[in-house]
């Protein structure tokens, strides 16, 4: 599961009740997607002030 707290700029990936990954951003909005098996997720973070953005892709280690 991918969860976000847009008010604090935090995004986290949680699997089986355990925190897998967490990051915080000082820009936004941020949108995330997670694969069906939960092993890969991506985050797209947009910086509206600078009209730029970035995509980050993560994979849980086996």
PDB file of N, CA and C in Angstrom:
ATOM      1  N   UNK A   1       0.852  -1.159   0.000  1.00  0.00           N
ATOM      2  CA  UNK A   1       0.000   0.000   0.000  1.00  0.00           C
ATOM      3  C   UNK A   1       0.903   1.229   0.000  1.00  0.00           C
ATOM      4  N   UNK A   2       0.497   2.225  -0.737  1.00  0.00           N
ATOM      5  CA  UNK A   2       1.200   3.499  -0.797  1.00  0.00           C
ATOM      6  C   UNK A   2       0.322   4.536  -0.108  1.00  0.00           C
ATOM      7  N   UNK A   3       0.871   5.243   0.870  1.00  0.00           N
ATOM      8  CA  UNK A   3       0.094   6.233   1.606  1.00  0.00           C
ATOM      9  C   UNK A   3       0.803   7.578   1.553  1.00  0.00           C
ATOM     10  N   UNK A   4       0.015   8.653   1.586  1.00  0.00           N
ATOM     11  CA  UNK A   4       0.588   9.992   1.505  1.00  0.00           C
ATOM     12  C   UNK A   4      -0.084  10.905   2.512  1.00  0.00           C
ATOM     13  N   UNK A   5       0.707  11.779   3.097  1.00  0.00           N
ATOM     14  CA  UNK A   5       0.220  12.850   3.942  1.00  0.00           C
ATOM     15  C   UNK A   5       0.627  14.148   3.248  1.00  0.00           C
ATOM     16  N   UNK A   6      -0.220  14.617   2.376  1.00  0.00           N
ATOM     17  CA  UNK A   6       0.129  15.775   1.557  1.00  0.00           C
ATOM     18  C   UNK A   6       0.367  17.015   2.398  1.00  0.00           C
ATOM     19  N   UNK A   7      -0.288  17.112   3.552  1.00  0.00           N
ATOM     20  CA  UNK A   7      -0.096  18.264   4.411  1.00  0.00           C
ATOM     21  C   UNK A   7       1.328  18.364   4.934  1.00  0.00           C
ATOM     22  N   UNK A   8       1.950  17.221   5.208  1.00  0.00           N
ATOM     23  CA  UNK A   8       3.325  17.194   5.705  1.00  0.00           C
ATOM     24  C   UNK A   8       4.316  16.792   4.622  1.00  0.00           C
ATOM     25  N   UNK A   9       3.844  16.502   3.403  1.00  0.00           N
ATOM     26  CA  UNK A   9       4.727  16.136   2.298  1.00  0.00           C
ATOM     27  C   UNK A   9       5.391  14.789   2.464  1.00  0.00           C
ATOM     28  N   UNK A  10       4.763  13.865   3.188  1.00  0.00           N
ATOM     29  CA  UNK A  10       5.343  12.545   3.409  1.00  0.00           C
ATOM     30  C   UNK A  10       4.612  11.484   2.607  1.00  0.00           C
ATOM     31  N   UNK A  11       5.383  10.549   2.049  1.00  0.00           N
ATOM     32  CA  UNK A  11       4.833   9.414   1.312  1.00  0.00           C
ATOM     33  C   UNK A  11       5.524   8.164   1.828  1.00  0.00           C
ATOM     34  N   UNK A  12       4.768   7.081   1.982  1.00  0.00           N
ATOM     35  CA  UNK A  12       5.344   5.841   2.502  1.00  0.00           C
ATOM     36  C   UNK A  12       4.753   4.640   1.777  1.00  0.00           C
ATOM     37  N   UNK A  13       5.561   3.598   1.654  1.00  0.00           N
ATOM     38  CA  UNK A  13       5.106   2.308   1.140  1.00  0.00           C
ATOM     39  C   UNK A  13       5.066   1.351   2.327  1.00  0.00           C
ATOM     40  N   UNK A  14       3.923   0.682   2.483  1.00  0.00           N
ATOM     41  CA  UNK A  14       3.722  -0.227   3.609  1.00  0.00           C
ATOM     42  C   UNK A  14       3.302  -1.575   3.050  1.00  0.00           C
ATOM     43  N   UNK A  15       3.921  -2.651   3.539  1.00  0.00           N
ATOM     44  CA  UNK A  15       3.560  -3.998   3.121  1.00  0.00           C
ATOM     45  C   UNK A  15       3.387  -4.896   4.320  1.00  0.00           C
ATOM     46  N   UNK A  16       2.272  -5.591   4.405  1.00  0.00           N
ATOM     47  CA  UNK A  16       1.970  -6.494   5.524  1.00  0.00           C
ATOM     48  C   UNK A  16       2.099  -5.798   6.876  1.00  0.00           C
ATOM     49  N   UNK A  17       1.723  -4.520   6.923  1.00  0.00           N
ATOM     50  CA  UNK A  17       1.766  -3.770   8.163  1.00  0.00           C
ATOM     51  C   UNK A  17       3.132  -3.216   8.526  1.00  0.00           C
ATOM     52  N   UNK A  18       4.171  -3.499   7.713  1.00  0.00           N
ATOM     53  CA  UNK A  18       5.523  -3.017   7.987  1.00  0.00           C
ATOM     54  C   UNK A  18       5.890  -1.886   7.037  1.00  0.00           C
ATOM     55  N   UNK A  19       6.583  -0.881   7.548  1.00  0.00           N
ATOM     56  CA  UNK A  19       7.066   0.212   6.724  1.00  0.00           C
ATOM     57  C   UNK A  19       8.209  -0.282   5.851  1.00  0.00           C
ATOM     58  N   UNK A  20       8.061  -0.151   4.531  1.00  0.00           N
ATOM     59  CA  UNK A  20       9.082  -0.584   3.576  1.00  0.00           C
ATOM     60  C   UNK A  20       9.975   0.591   3.187  1.00  0.00           C
ATOM     61  N   UNK A  21       9.343   1.750   2.994  1.00  0.00           N
ATOM     62  CA  UNK A  21      10.050   2.921   2.479  1.00  0.00           C
ATOM     63  C   UNK A  21       9.290   4.159   2.910  1.00  0.00           C
ATOM     64  N   UNK A  22      10.010   5.260   3.144  1.00  0.00           N
ATOM     65  CA  UNK A  22       9.375   6.530   3.493  1.00  0.00           C
ATOM     66  C   UNK A  22      10.264   7.668   3.007  1.00  0.00           C
ATOM     67  N   UNK A  23       9.624   8.725   2.514  1.00  0.00           N
ATOM     68  CA  UNK A  23      10.367   9.898   2.096  1.00  0.00           C
ATOM     69  C   UNK A  23       9.502  11.130   2.332  1.00  0.00           C
ATOM     70  N   UNK A  24      10.135  12.283   2.429  1.00  0.00           N
ATOM     71  CA  UNK A  24       9.436  13.533   2.651  1.00  0.00           C
ATOM     72  C   UNK A  24       9.884  14.539   1.589  1.00  0.00           C
ATOM     73  N   UNK A  25       8.941  15.346   1.116  1.00  0.00           N
ATOM     74  CA  UNK A  25       9.214  16.318   0.059  1.00  0.00           C
ATOM     75  C   UNK A  25       8.760  17.687   0.514  1.00  0.00           C
ATOM     76  N   UNK A  26       9.489  18.732   0.113  1.00  0.00           N
ATOM     77  CA  UNK A  26       9.089  20.089   0.461  1.00  0.00           C
ATOM     78  C   UNK A  26       8.362  20.778  -0.685  1.00  0.00           C
ATOM     79  N   UNK A  27       8.042  20.039  -1.729  1.00  0.00           N
ATOM     80  CA  UNK A  27       7.258  20.538  -2.852  1.00  0.00           C
ATOM     81  C   UNK A  27       6.105  19.573  -3.087  1.00  0.00           C
ATOM     82  N   UNK A  28       5.232  19.922  -3.988  1.00  0.00           N
ATOM     83  CA  UNK A  28       4.123  19.035  -4.262  1.00  0.00           C
ATOM     84  C   UNK A  28       3.257  19.616  -5.353  1.00  0.00           C
ATOM     85  N   UNK A  29       2.275  18.898  -5.768  1.00  0.00           N
ATOM     86  CA  UNK A  29       1.775  17.654  -5.199  1.00  0.00           C
ATOM     87  C   UNK A  29       2.624  16.467  -5.603  1.00  0.00           C
ATOM     88  N   UNK A  30       2.390  15.352  -4.930  1.00  0.00           N
ATOM     89  CA  UNK A  30       3.063  14.094  -5.239  1.00  0.00           C
ATOM     90  C   UNK A  30       2.006  13.030  -5.502  1.00  0.00           C
ATOM     91  N   UNK A  31       2.280  12.177  -6.469  1.00  0.00           N
ATOM     92  CA  UNK A  31       1.382  11.092  -6.838  1.00  0.00           C
ATOM     93  C   UNK A  31       2.198   9.815  -6.864  1.00  0.00           C
ATOM     94  N   UNK A  32       1.625   8.725  -6.418  1.00  0.00           N
ATOM     95  CA  UNK A  32       2.362   7.466  -6.404  1.00  0.00           C
ATOM     96  C   UNK A  32       1.581   6.332  -7.028  1.00  0.00           C
ATOM     97  N   UNK A  33       2.310   5.303  -7.419  1.00  0.00           N
ATOM     98  CA  UNK A  33       1.716   4.077  -7.951  1.00  0.00           C
ATOM     99  C   UNK A  33       2.530   2.907  -7.429  1.00  0.00           C
ATOM    100  N   UNK A  34       1.864   1.774  -7.220  1.00  0.00           N
ATOM    101  CA  UNK A  34       2.542   0.585  -6.705  1.00  0.00           C
ATOM    102  C   UNK A  34       2.131  -0.613  -7.549  1.00  0.00           C
ATOM    103  N   UNK A  35       3.069  -1.531  -7.781  1.00  0.00           N
ATOM    104  CA  UNK A  35       2.781  -2.697  -8.610  1.00  0.00           C
ATOM    105  C   UNK A  35       1.822  -3.645  -7.882  1.00  0.00           C
ATOM    106  N   UNK A  36       1.199  -4.527  -8.622  1.00  0.00           N
ATOM    107  CA  UNK A  36       0.238  -5.473  -8.068  1.00  0.00           C
ATOM    108  C   UNK A  36       0.814  -6.353  -6.977  1.00  0.00           C
ATOM    109  N   UNK A  37       2.084  -6.729  -7.100  1.00  0.00           N
ATOM    110  CA  UNK A  37       2.682  -7.577  -6.064  1.00  0.00           C
ATOM    111  C   UNK A  37       3.349  -6.761  -4.964  1.00  0.00           C
ATOM    112  N   UNK A  38       3.321  -5.430  -5.088  1.00  0.00           N
ATOM    113  CA  UNK A  38       3.839  -4.554  -4.047  1.00  0.00           C
ATOM    114  C   UNK A  38       5.346  -4.415  -4.009  1.00  0.00           C
ATOM    115  N   UNK A  39       6.057  -4.987  -4.963  1.00  0.00           N
ATOM    116  CA  UNK A  39       7.519  -4.973  -4.900  1.00  0.00           C
ATOM    117  C   UNK A  39       8.145  -3.739  -5.555  1.00  0.00           C
ATOM    118  N   UNK A  40       7.381  -3.018  -6.380  1.00  0.00           N
ATOM    119  CA  UNK A  40       7.900  -1.857  -7.089  1.00  0.00           C
ATOM    120  C   UNK A  40       6.902  -0.710  -6.958  1.00  0.00           C
ATOM    121  N   UNK A  41       7.419   0.483  -6.696  1.00  0.00           N
ATOM    122  CA  UNK A  41       6.549   1.641  -6.630  1.00  0.00           C
ATOM    123  C   UNK A  41       7.255   2.845  -7.223  1.00  0.00           C
ATOM    124  N   UNK A  42       6.460   3.803  -7.667  1.00  0.00           N
ATOM    125  CA  UNK A  42       7.021   5.019  -8.247  1.00  0.00           C
ATOM    126  C   UNK A  42       6.310   6.229  -7.658  1.00  0.00           C
ATOM    127  N   UNK A  43       7.055   7.311  -7.573  1.00  0.00           N
ATOM    128  CA  UNK A  43       6.542   8.563  -7.045  1.00  0.00           C
ATOM    129  C   UNK A  43       6.826   9.653  -8.073  1.00  0.00           C
ATOM    130  N   UNK A  44       5.832  10.446  -8.390  1.00  0.00           N
ATOM    131  CA  UNK A  44       6.002  11.602  -9.252  1.00  0.00           C
ATOM    132  C   UNK A  44       5.764  12.835  -8.391  1.00  0.00           C
ATOM    133  N   UNK A  45       6.794  13.677  -8.274  1.00  0.00           N
ATOM    134  CA  UNK A  45       6.715  14.876  -7.441  1.00  0.00           C
ATOM    135  C   UNK A  45       6.798  16.095  -8.347  1.00  0.00           C
ATOM    136  N   UNK A  46       5.854  16.992  -8.189  1.00  0.00           N
ATOM    137  CA  UNK A  46       5.774  18.179  -9.023  1.00  0.00           C
ATOM    138  C   UNK A  46       6.105  19.404  -8.185  1.00  0.00           C
ATOM    139  N   UNK A  47       6.953  20.270  -8.704  1.00  0.00           N
ATOM    140  CA  UNK A  47       7.285  21.537  -8.062  1.00  0.00           C
ATOM    141  C   UNK A  47       6.603  22.635  -8.865  1.00  0.00           C
ATOM    142  N   UNK A  48       5.440  23.054  -8.410  1.00  0.00           N
ATOM    143  CA  UNK A  48       4.652  24.034  -9.160  1.00  0.00           C
ATOM    144  C   UNK A  48       5.338  25.388  -9.248  1.00  0.00           C
ATOM    145  N   UNK A  49       6.072  25.780  -8.204  1.00  0.00           N
ATOM    146  CA  UNK A  49       6.738  27.087  -8.210  1.00  0.00           C
ATOM    147  C   UNK A  49       7.803  27.177  -9.299  1.00  0.00           C
ATOM    148  N   UNK A  50       8.557  26.112  -9.500  1.00  0.00           N
ATOM    149  CA  UNK A  50       9.634  26.104 -10.503  1.00  0.00           C
ATOM    150  C   UNK A  50       9.227  25.442 -11.807  1.00  0.00           C
ATOM    151  N   UNK A  51       7.975  25.038 -11.916  1.00  0.00           N
ATOM    152  CA  UNK A  51       7.445  24.361 -13.092  1.00  0.00           C
ATOM    153  C   UNK A  51       8.353  23.201 -13.514  1.00  0.00           C
ATOM    154  N   UNK A  52       8.653  22.342 -12.545  1.00  0.00           N
ATOM    155  CA  UNK A  52       9.490  21.179 -12.817  1.00  0.00           C
ATOM    156  C   UNK A  52       8.928  19.986 -12.038  1.00  0.00           C
ATOM    157  N   UNK A  53       9.498  18.851 -12.277  1.00  0.00           N
ATOM    158  CA  UNK A  53       9.063  17.656 -11.572  1.00  0.00           C
ATOM    159  C   UNK A  53      10.099  16.563 -11.699  1.00  0.00           C
ATOM    160  N   UNK A  54       9.878  15.489 -10.951  1.00  0.00           N
ATOM    161  CA  UNK A  54      10.782  14.346 -11.013  1.00  0.00           C
ATOM    162  C   UNK A  54       9.989  13.074 -10.737  1.00  0.00           C
ATOM    163  N   UNK A  55      10.507  11.987 -11.236  1.00  0.00           N
ATOM    164  CA  UNK A  55       9.931  10.672 -11.002  1.00  0.00           C
ATOM    165  C   UNK A  55      10.992   9.809 -10.325  1.00  0.00           C
ATOM    166  N   UNK A  56      10.601   9.133  -9.263  1.00  0.00           N
ATOM    167  CA  UNK A  56      11.491   8.225  -8.558  1.00  0.00           C
ATOM    168  C   UNK A  56      10.874   6.834  -8.588  1.00  0.00           C
ATOM    169  N   UNK A  57      11.696   5.845  -8.876  1.00  0.00           N
ATOM    170  CA  UNK A  57      11.214   4.455  -8.934  1.00  0.00           C
ATOM    171  C   UNK A  57      12.013   3.625  -7.936  1.00  0.00           C
ATOM    172  N   UNK A  58      11.306   2.817  -7.163  1.00  0.00           N
ATOM    173  CA  UNK A  58      11.915   2.008  -6.119  1.00  0.00           C
ATOM    174  C   UNK A  58      11.507   0.558  -6.284  1.00  0.00           C
ATOM    175  N   UNK A  59      12.372  -0.333  -5.841  1.00  0.00           N
ATOM    176  CA  UNK A  59      12.073  -1.762  -5.863  1.00  0.00           C
ATOM    177  C   UNK A  59      12.533  -2.360  -4.547  1.00  0.00           C
ATOM    178  N   UNK A  60      11.631  -3.093  -3.901  1.00  0.00           N
ATOM    179  CA  UNK A  60      11.967  -3.743  -2.636  1.00  0.00           C
ATOM    180  C   UNK A  60      12.997  -4.849  -2.888  1.00  0.00           C
ATOM    181  N   UNK A  61      14.027  -4.886  -2.067  1.00  0.00           N
ATOM    182  CA  UNK A  61      15.062  -5.922  -2.215  1.00  0.00           C
ATOM    183  C   UNK A  61      14.492  -7.274  -1.823  1.00  0.00           C
ATOM    184  N   UNK A  62      14.875  -8.290  -2.576  1.00  0.00           N
ATOM    185  CA  UNK A  62      14.390  -9.651  -2.293  1.00  0.00           C
ATOM    186  C   UNK A  62      15.192 -10.295  -1.204  1.00  0.00           C
TER     187      UNK A  62
END
